[in-house]
Amino acid sequence: MSWNYRIVRRNDPLTDSGYWLGIYEAYYDDANDGACYALTEKTVGIEGETMESLTAEYRLFAEAFEKPVLDYETRQEVSE
């Protein structure tokens, strides 16, 4: 199993676009072609005990912007 942060699109009929974007933890099944099998229920934030750990966490968040957006319900890539 592995994980990373991903930008995820969730349906929200109350918004003009019909969805909302946030950063979630995504978990992958390394034995099943690395498919995403789970996402955290809520978005996650950046925290750290030291400036160094906070900076490291920030860099992991930044990597999410380099990956395709995932749909919350299907965990599949979507075009944003």
PDB file of N, CA and C in Angstrom:
ATOM      1  N   MET A   1       0.832  -1.166   0.000  1.00  0.00           N
ATOM      2  CA  MET A   1       0.000   0.000   0.000  1.00  0.00           C
ATOM      3  C   MET A   1       0.886   1.242   0.000  1.00  0.00           C
ATOM      4  N   SER A   2       0.434   2.263  -0.716  1.00  0.00           N
ATOM      5  CA  SER A   2       1.108   3.556  -0.704  1.00  0.00           C
ATOM      6  C   SER A   2       0.048   4.653  -0.669  1.00  0.00           C
ATOM      7  N   TRP A   3       0.468   5.883  -0.464  1.00  0.00           N
ATOM      8  CA  TRP A   3      -0.477   6.989  -0.420  1.00  0.00           C
ATOM      9  C   TRP A   3       0.207   8.261  -0.891  1.00  0.00           C
ATOM     10  N   ASN A   4      -0.596   9.254  -1.207  1.00  0.00           N
ATOM     11  CA  ASN A   4      -0.116  10.602  -1.479  1.00  0.00           C
ATOM     12  C   ASN A   4      -1.289  11.564  -1.348  1.00  0.00           C
ATOM     13  N   TYR A   5      -1.008  12.823  -1.492  1.00  0.00           N
ATOM     14  CA  TYR A   5      -2.071  13.822  -1.501  1.00  0.00           C
ATOM     15  C   TYR A   5      -2.549  14.010  -2.927  1.00  0.00           C
ATOM     16  N   ARG A   6      -3.858  14.157  -3.110  1.00  0.00           N
ATOM     17  CA  ARG A   6      -4.433  14.386  -4.440  1.00  0.00           C
ATOM     18  C   ARG A   6      -5.519  15.445  -4.362  1.00  0.00           C
ATOM     19  N   ILE A   7      -5.651  16.186  -5.420  1.00  0.00           N
ATOM     20  CA  ILE A   7      -6.782  17.088  -5.557  1.00  0.00           C
ATOM     21  C   ILE A   7      -7.962  16.236  -5.983  1.00  0.00           C
ATOM     22  N   VAL A   8      -9.082  16.411  -5.285  1.00  0.00           N
ATOM     23  CA  VAL A   8     -10.254  15.572  -5.503  1.00  0.00           C
ATOM     24  C   VAL A   8     -11.464  16.471  -5.753  1.00  0.00           C
ATOM     25  N   ARG A   9     -12.277  16.048  -6.715  1.00  0.00           N
ATOM     26  CA  ARG A   9     -13.511  16.761  -7.044  1.00  0.00           C
ATOM     27  C   ARG A   9     -14.689  16.041  -6.416  1.00  0.00           C
ATOM     28  N   ARG A  10     -15.474  16.783  -5.634  1.00  0.00           N
ATOM     29  CA  ARG A  10     -16.693  16.225  -5.020  1.00  0.00           C
ATOM     30  C   ARG A  10     -17.894  16.976  -5.550  1.00  0.00           C
ATOM     31  N   ASN A  11     -18.962  16.248  -5.824  1.00  0.00           N
ATOM     32  CA  ASN A  11     -20.197  16.871  -6.293  1.00  0.00           C
ATOM     33  C   ASN A  11     -20.763  17.779  -5.213  1.00  0.00           C
ATOM     34  N   ASP A  12     -21.230  18.955  -5.640  1.00  0.00           N
ATOM     35  CA  ASP A  12     -21.877  19.900  -4.730  1.00  0.00           C
ATOM     36  C   ASP A  12     -22.874  20.715  -5.538  1.00  0.00           C
ATOM     37  N   PRO A  13     -24.139  20.315  -5.520  1.00  0.00           N
ATOM     38  CA  PRO A  13     -25.147  20.985  -6.339  1.00  0.00           C
ATOM     39  C   PRO A  13     -25.392  22.436  -5.935  1.00  0.00           C
ATOM     40  N   LEU A  14     -24.885  22.862  -4.796  1.00  0.00           N
ATOM     41  CA  LEU A  14     -25.088  24.235  -4.350  1.00  0.00           C
ATOM     42  C   LEU A  14     -24.078  25.217  -4.942  1.00  0.00           C
ATOM     43  N   THR A  15     -23.080  24.706  -5.662  1.00  0.00           N
ATOM     44  CA  THR A  15     -22.092  25.578  -6.292  1.00  0.00           C
ATOM     45  C   THR A  15     -22.442  25.802  -7.757  1.00  0.00           C
ATOM     46  N   ASP A  16     -21.950  26.882  -8.320  1.00  0.00           N
ATOM     47  CA  ASP A  16     -22.206  27.181  -9.733  1.00  0.00           C
ATOM     48  C   ASP A  16     -21.646  26.099 -10.650  1.00  0.00           C
ATOM     49  N   SER A  17     -20.494  25.553 -10.302  1.00  0.00           N
ATOM     50  CA  SER A  17     -19.853  24.539 -11.148  1.00  0.00           C
ATOM     51  C   SER A  17     -20.439  23.151 -10.934  1.00  0.00           C
ATOM     52  N   GLY A  18     -21.116  22.933  -9.808  1.00  0.00           N
ATOM     53  CA  GLY A  18     -21.666  21.615  -9.491  1.00  0.00           C
ATOM     54  C   GLY A  18     -20.711  20.733  -8.714  1.00  0.00           C
ATOM     55  N   TYR A  19     -19.537  21.258  -8.398  1.00  0.00           N
ATOM     56  CA  TYR A  19     -18.570  20.479  -7.622  1.00  0.00           C
ATOM     57  C   TYR A  19     -17.671  21.391  -6.812  1.00  0.00           C
ATOM     58  N   TRP A  20     -16.891  20.764  -5.937  1.00  0.00           N
ATOM     59  CA  TRP A  20     -15.958  21.444  -5.062  1.00  0.00           C
ATOM     60  C   TRP A  20     -14.645  20.685  -5.119  1.00  0.00           C
ATOM     61  N   LEU A  21     -13.515  21.390  -5.072  1.00  0.00           N
ATOM     62  CA  LEU A  21     -12.195  20.760  -5.101  1.00  0.00           C
ATOM     63  C   LEU A  21     -11.530  20.881  -3.739  1.00  0.00           C
ATOM     64  N   GLY A  22     -10.764  19.857  -3.369  1.00  0.00           N
ATOM     65  CA  GLY A  22     -10.009  19.884  -2.124  1.00  0.00           C
ATOM     66  C   GLY A  22      -8.858  18.911  -2.191  1.00  0.00           C
ATOM     67  N   ILE A  23      -7.984  18.981  -1.213  1.00  0.00           N
ATOM     68  CA  ILE A  23      -6.856  18.052  -1.149  1.00  0.00           C
ATOM     69  C   ILE A  23      -7.176  16.975  -0.115  1.00  0.00           C
ATOM     70  N   TYR A  24      -7.041  15.727  -0.547  1.00  0.00           N
ATOM     71  CA  TYR A  24      -7.338  14.550   0.267  1.00  0.00           C
ATOM     72  C   TYR A  24      -6.138  13.617   0.257  1.00  0.00           C
ATOM     73  N   GLU A  25      -6.076  12.725   1.236  1.00  0.00           N
ATOM     74  CA  GLU A  25      -5.109  11.634   1.188  1.00  0.00           C
ATOM     75  C   GLU A  25      -5.710  10.536   0.323  1.00  0.00           C
ATOM     76  N   ALA A  26      -4.933  10.039  -0.622  1.00  0.00           N
ATOM     77  CA  ALA A  26      -5.364   8.952  -1.503  1.00  0.00           C
ATOM     78  C   ALA A  26      -4.502   7.724  -1.210  1.00  0.00           C
ATOM     79  N   TYR A  27      -5.154   6.573  -1.100  1.00  0.00           N
ATOM     80  CA  TYR A  27      -4.466   5.317  -0.797  1.00  0.00           C
ATOM     81  C   TYR A  27      -4.566   4.386  -2.001  1.00  0.00           C
ATOM     82  N   TYR A  28      -3.447   3.719  -2.301  1.00  0.00           N
ATOM     83  CA  TYR A  28      -3.341   2.896  -3.501  1.00  0.00           C
ATOM     84  C   TYR A  28      -3.047   1.451  -3.157  1.00  0.00           C
ATOM     85  N   ASP A  29      -3.583   0.568  -3.986  1.00  0.00           N
ATOM     86  CA  ASP A  29      -3.350  -0.867  -3.867  1.00  0.00           C
ATOM     87  C   ASP A  29      -2.201  -1.214  -4.804  1.00  0.00           C
ATOM     88  N   ASP A  30      -1.005  -1.338  -4.266  1.00  0.00           N
ATOM     89  CA  ASP A  30       0.171  -1.612  -5.086  1.00  0.00           C
ATOM     90  C   ASP A  30       0.065  -2.950  -5.811  1.00  0.00           C
ATOM     91  N   ALA A  31      -0.715  -3.877  -5.283  1.00  0.00           N
ATOM     92  CA  ALA A  31      -0.855  -5.195  -5.907  1.00  0.00           C
ATOM     93  C   ALA A  31      -1.875  -5.165  -7.043  1.00  0.00           C
ATOM     94  N   ASN A  32      -2.655  -4.090  -7.169  1.00  0.00           N
ATOM     95  CA  ASN A  32      -3.712  -4.009  -8.182  1.00  0.00           C
ATOM     96  C   ASN A  32      -3.438  -2.836  -9.120  1.00  0.00           C
ATOM     97  N   ASP A  33      -2.309  -2.860  -9.788  1.00  0.00           N
ATOM     98  CA  ASP A  33      -1.919  -1.819 -10.733  1.00  0.00           C
ATOM     99  C   ASP A  33      -1.882  -0.431 -10.108  1.00  0.00           C
ATOM    100  N   GLY A  34      -1.742  -0.344  -8.805  1.00  0.00           N
ATOM    101  CA  GLY A  34      -1.650   0.943  -8.145  1.00  0.00           C
ATOM    102  C   GLY A  34      -2.925   1.756  -8.170  1.00  0.00           C
ATOM    103  N   ALA A  35      -4.067   1.101  -8.312  1.00  0.00           N
ATOM    104  CA  ALA A  35      -5.349   1.811  -8.367  1.00  0.00           C
ATOM    105  C   ALA A  35      -5.671   2.435  -7.013  1.00  0.00           C
ATOM    106  N   CYS A  36      -6.268   3.624  -7.051  1.00  0.00           N
ATOM    107  CA  CYS A  36      -6.703   4.284  -5.823  1.00  0.00           C
ATOM    108  C   CYS A  36      -7.910   3.536  -5.276  1.00  0.00           C
ATOM    109  N   TYR A  37      -7.818   3.053  -4.036  1.00  0.00           N
ATOM    110  CA  TYR A  37      -8.930   2.304  -3.465  1.00  0.00           C
ATOM    111  C   TYR A  37      -9.619   3.052  -2.329  1.00  0.00           C
ATOM    112  N   ALA A  38      -9.008   4.151  -1.842  1.00  0.00           N
ATOM    113  CA  ALA A  38      -9.643   4.882  -0.745  1.00  0.00           C
ATOM    114  C   ALA A  38      -9.162   6.322  -0.704  1.00  0.00           C
ATOM    115  N   LEU A  39     -10.062   7.187  -0.249  1.00  0.00           N
ATOM    116  CA  LEU A  39      -9.755   8.594  -0.010  1.00  0.00           C
ATOM    117  C   LEU A  39     -10.218   8.938   1.400  1.00  0.00           C
ATOM    118  N   THR A  40      -9.543   9.888   2.025  1.00  0.00           N
ATOM    119  CA  THR A  40     -10.012  10.328   3.333  1.00  0.00           C
ATOM    120  C   THR A  40     -11.396  10.936   3.186  1.00  0.00           C
ATOM    121  N   GLU A  41     -12.179  10.878   4.242  1.00  0.00           N
ATOM    122  CA  GLU A  41     -13.547  11.385   4.210  1.00  0.00           C
ATOM    123  C   GLU A  41     -13.581  12.900   4.068  1.00  0.00           C
ATOM    124  N   LYS A  42     -12.622  13.566   4.683  1.00  0.00           N
ATOM    125  CA  LYS A  42     -12.567  15.026   4.659  1.00  0.00           C
ATOM    126  C   LYS A  42     -11.238  15.492   4.083  1.00  0.00           C
ATOM    127  N   THR A  43     -11.203  16.742   3.673  1.00  0.00           N
ATOM    128  CA  THR A  43      -9.949  17.323   3.197  1.00  0.00           C
ATOM    129  C   THR A  43      -8.940  17.358   4.340  1.00  0.00           C
ATOM    130  N   VAL A  44      -7.683  17.468   3.971  1.00  0.00           N
ATOM    131  CA  VAL A  44      -6.616  17.509   4.966  1.00  0.00           C
ATOM    132  C   VAL A  44      -5.909  18.858   4.896  1.00  0.00           C
ATOM    133  N   GLY A  45      -5.285  19.236   5.992  1.00  0.00           N
ATOM    134  CA  GLY A  45      -4.542  20.490   6.070  1.00  0.00           C
ATOM    135  C   GLY A  45      -3.075  20.226   6.315  1.00  0.00           C
ATOM    136  N   ILE A  46      -2.314  21.298   6.301  1.00  0.00           N
ATOM    137  CA  ILE A  46      -0.869  21.197   6.503  1.00  0.00           C
ATOM    138  C   ILE A  46      -0.553  21.528   7.958  1.00  0.00           C
ATOM    139  N   GLU A  47       0.186  20.635   8.601  1.00  0.00           N
ATOM    140  CA  GLU A  47       0.640  20.838   9.967  1.00  0.00           C
ATOM    141  C   GLU A  47       2.056  20.307  10.090  1.00  0.00           C
ATOM    142  N   GLY A  48       2.780  20.809  11.074  1.00  0.00           N
ATOM    143  CA  GLY A  48       4.116  20.300  11.325  1.00  0.00           C
ATOM    144  C   GLY A  48       4.600  20.702  12.689  1.00  0.00           C
ATOM    145  N   GLU A  49       5.422  19.874  13.279  1.00  0.00           N
ATOM    146  CA  GLU A  49       5.960  20.151  14.606  1.00  0.00           C
ATOM    147  C   GLU A  49       7.073  21.193  14.543  1.00  0.00           C
ATOM    148  N   THR A  50       7.782  21.220  13.417  1.00  0.00           N
ATOM    149  CA  THR A  50       8.865  22.182  13.206  1.00  0.00           C
ATOM    150  C   THR A  50       8.693  22.817  11.843  1.00  0.00           C
ATOM    151  N   MET A  51       9.434  23.876  11.589  1.00  0.00           N
ATOM    152  CA  MET A  51       9.395  24.506  10.265  1.00  0.00           C
ATOM    153  C   MET A  51       9.841  23.521   9.181  1.00  0.00           C
ATOM    154  N   GLU A  52      10.811  22.685   9.507  1.00  0.00           N
ATOM    155  CA  GLU A  52      11.299  21.701   8.545  1.00  0.00           C
ATOM    156  C   GLU A  52      10.219  20.682   8.196  1.00  0.00           C
ATOM    157  N   SER A  53       9.521  20.189   9.212  1.00  0.00           N
ATOM    158  CA  SER A  53       8.473  19.204   8.942  1.00  0.00           C
ATOM    159  C   SER A  53       7.285  19.858   8.233  1.00  0.00           C
ATOM    160  N   LEU A  54       6.992  21.108   8.567  1.00  0.00           N
ATOM    161  CA  LEU A  54       5.919  21.826   7.884  1.00  0.00           C
ATOM    162  C   LEU A  54       6.273  22.058   6.421  1.00  0.00           C
ATOM    163  N   THR A  55       7.512  22.407   6.149  1.00  0.00           N
ATOM    164  CA  THR A  55       7.974  22.607   4.772  1.00  0.00           C
ATOM    165  C   THR A  55       7.911  21.305   3.988  1.00  0.00           C
ATOM    166  N   ALA A  56       8.302  20.197   4.600  1.00  0.00           N
ATOM    167  CA  ALA A  56       8.242  18.892   3.931  1.00  0.00           C
ATOM    168  C   ALA A  56       6.802  18.541   3.588  1.00  0.00           C
ATOM    169  N   GLU A  57       5.887  18.806   4.507  1.00  0.00           N
ATOM    170  CA  GLU A  57       4.470  18.523   4.271  1.00  0.00           C
ATOM    171  C   GLU A  57       3.933  19.408   3.145  1.00  0.00           C
ATOM    172  N   TYR A  58       4.334  20.665   3.146  1.00  0.00           N
ATOM    173  CA  TYR A  58       3.927  21.600   2.088  1.00  0.00           C
ATOM    174  C   TYR A  58       4.377  21.093   0.718  1.00  0.00           C
ATOM    175  N   ARG A  59       5.574  20.585   0.632  1.00  0.00           N
ATOM    176  CA  ARG A  59       6.081  20.069  -0.645  1.00  0.00           C
ATOM    177  C   ARG A  59       5.267  18.867  -1.120  1.00  0.00           C
ATOM    178  N   LEU A  60       4.848  18.009  -0.193  1.00  0.00           N
ATOM    179  CA  LEU A  60       3.989  16.877  -0.566  1.00  0.00           C
ATOM    180  C   LEU A  60       2.637  17.379  -1.084  1.00  0.00           C
ATOM    181  N   PHE A  61       2.101  18.420  -0.457  1.00  0.00           N
ATOM    182  CA  PHE A  61       0.853  19.027  -0.945  1.00  0.00           C
ATOM    183  C   PHE A  61       1.045  19.568  -2.351  1.00  0.00           C
ATOM    184  N   ALA A  62       2.162  20.256  -2.576  1.00  0.00           N
ATOM    185  CA  ALA A  62       2.422  20.871  -3.885  1.00  0.00           C
ATOM    186  C   ALA A  62       2.463  19.823  -4.996  1.00  0.00           C
ATOM    187  N   GLU A  63       2.923  18.621  -4.691  1.00  0.00           N
ATOM    188  CA  GLU A  63       2.964  17.550  -5.696  1.00  0.00           C
ATOM    189  C   GLU A  63       1.571  17.178  -6.191  1.00  0.00           C
ATOM    190  N   ALA A  64       0.544  17.397  -5.385  1.00  0.00           N
ATOM    191  CA  ALA A  64      -0.835  17.080  -5.789  1.00  0.00           C
ATOM    192  C   ALA A  64      -1.254  17.896  -7.006  1.00  0.00           C
ATOM    193  N   PHE A  65      -0.709  19.095  -7.154  1.00  0.00           N
ATOM    194  CA  PHE A  65      -1.064  19.965  -8.271  1.00  0.00           C
ATOM    195  C   PHE A  65      -0.449  19.501  -9.588  1.00  0.00           C
ATOM    196  N   GLU A  66       0.471  18.569  -9.530  1.00  0.00           N
ATOM    197  CA  GLU A  66       1.117  18.028 -10.729  1.00  0.00           C
ATOM    198  C   GLU A  66       0.439  16.754 -11.222  1.00  0.00           C
ATOM    199  N   LYS A  67      -0.556  16.277 -10.488  1.00  0.00           N
ATOM    200  CA  LYS A  67      -1.250  15.030 -10.835  1.00  0.00           C
ATOM    201  C   LYS A  67      -2.676  15.329 -11.295  1.00  0.00           C
ATOM    202  N   PRO A  68      -3.276  14.435 -12.065  1.00  0.00           N
ATOM    203  CA  PRO A  68      -4.665  14.635 -12.479  1.00  0.00           C
ATOM    204  C   PRO A  68      -5.614  14.663 -11.284  1.00  0.00           C
ATOM    205  N   VAL A  69      -6.707  15.374 -11.432  1.00  0.00           N
ATOM    206  CA  VAL A  69      -7.752  15.451 -10.412  1.00  0.00           C
ATOM    207  C   VAL A  69      -8.497  14.118 -10.367  1.00  0.00           C
ATOM    208  N   LEU A  70      -8.862  13.683  -9.151  1.00  0.00           N
ATOM    209  CA  LEU A  70      -9.646  12.457  -8.980  1.00  0.00           C
ATOM    210  C   LEU A  70     -11.091  12.813  -8.624  1.00  0.00           C
ATOM    211  N   ASP A  71     -12.022  11.978  -9.053  1.00  0.00           N
ATOM    212  CA  ASP A  71     -13.413  12.099  -8.652  1.00  0.00           C
ATOM    213  C   ASP A  71     -13.590  11.372  -7.314  1.00  0.00           C
ATOM    214  N   TYR A  72     -14.278  11.995  -6.367  1.00  0.00           N
ATOM    215  CA  TYR A  72     -14.417  11.399  -5.043  1.00  0.00           C
ATOM    216  C   TYR A  72     -15.189  10.083  -5.072  1.00  0.00           C
ATOM    217  N   GLU A  73     -16.250  10.014  -5.838  1.00  0.00           N
ATOM    218  CA  GLU A  73     -17.098   8.821  -5.856  1.00  0.00           C
ATOM    219  C   GLU A  73     -16.435   7.637  -6.559  1.00  0.00           C
ATOM    220  N   THR A  74     -15.808   7.894  -7.709  1.00  0.00           N
ATOM    221  CA  THR A  74     -15.248   6.796  -8.507  1.00  0.00           C
ATOM    222  C   THR A  74     -13.757   6.578  -8.275  1.00  0.00           C
ATOM    223  N   ARG A  75     -13.084   7.585  -7.710  1.00  0.00           N
ATOM    224  CA  ARG A  75     -11.631   7.571  -7.517  1.00  0.00           C
ATOM    225  C   ARG A  75     -10.879   7.467  -8.839  1.00  0.00           C
ATOM    226  N   GLN A  76     -11.543   7.843  -9.928  1.00  0.00           N
ATOM    227  CA  GLN A  76     -10.931   7.848 -11.252  1.00  0.00           C
ATOM    228  C   GLN A  76     -10.503   9.255 -11.612  1.00  0.00           C
ATOM    229  N   GLU A  77      -9.536   9.374 -12.530  1.00  0.00           N
ATOM    230  CA  GLU A  77      -9.085  10.681 -12.990  1.00  0.00           C
ATOM    231  C   GLU A  77     -10.178  11.361 -13.786  1.00  0.00           C
ATOM    232  N   VAL A  78     -10.310  12.671 -13.601  1.00  0.00           N
ATOM    233  CA  VAL A  78     -11.275  13.466 -14.337  1.00  0.00           C
ATOM    234  C   VAL A  78     -10.559  14.672 -14.936  1.00  0.00           C
ATOM    235  N   SER A  79     -11.113  15.201 -16.017  1.00  0.00           N
ATOM    236  CA  SER A  79     -10.549  16.427 -16.567  1.00  0.00           C
ATOM    237  C   SER A  79     -11.165  17.599 -15.837  1.00  0.00           C
ATOM    238  N   GLU A  80     -10.385  18.494 -15.378  1.00  0.00           N
ATOM    239  CA  GLU A  80     -10.853  19.631 -14.587  1.00  0.00           C
ATOM    240  C   GLU A  80     -11.224  20.789 -15.479  1.00  0.00           C
TER     241      GLU A  80
END
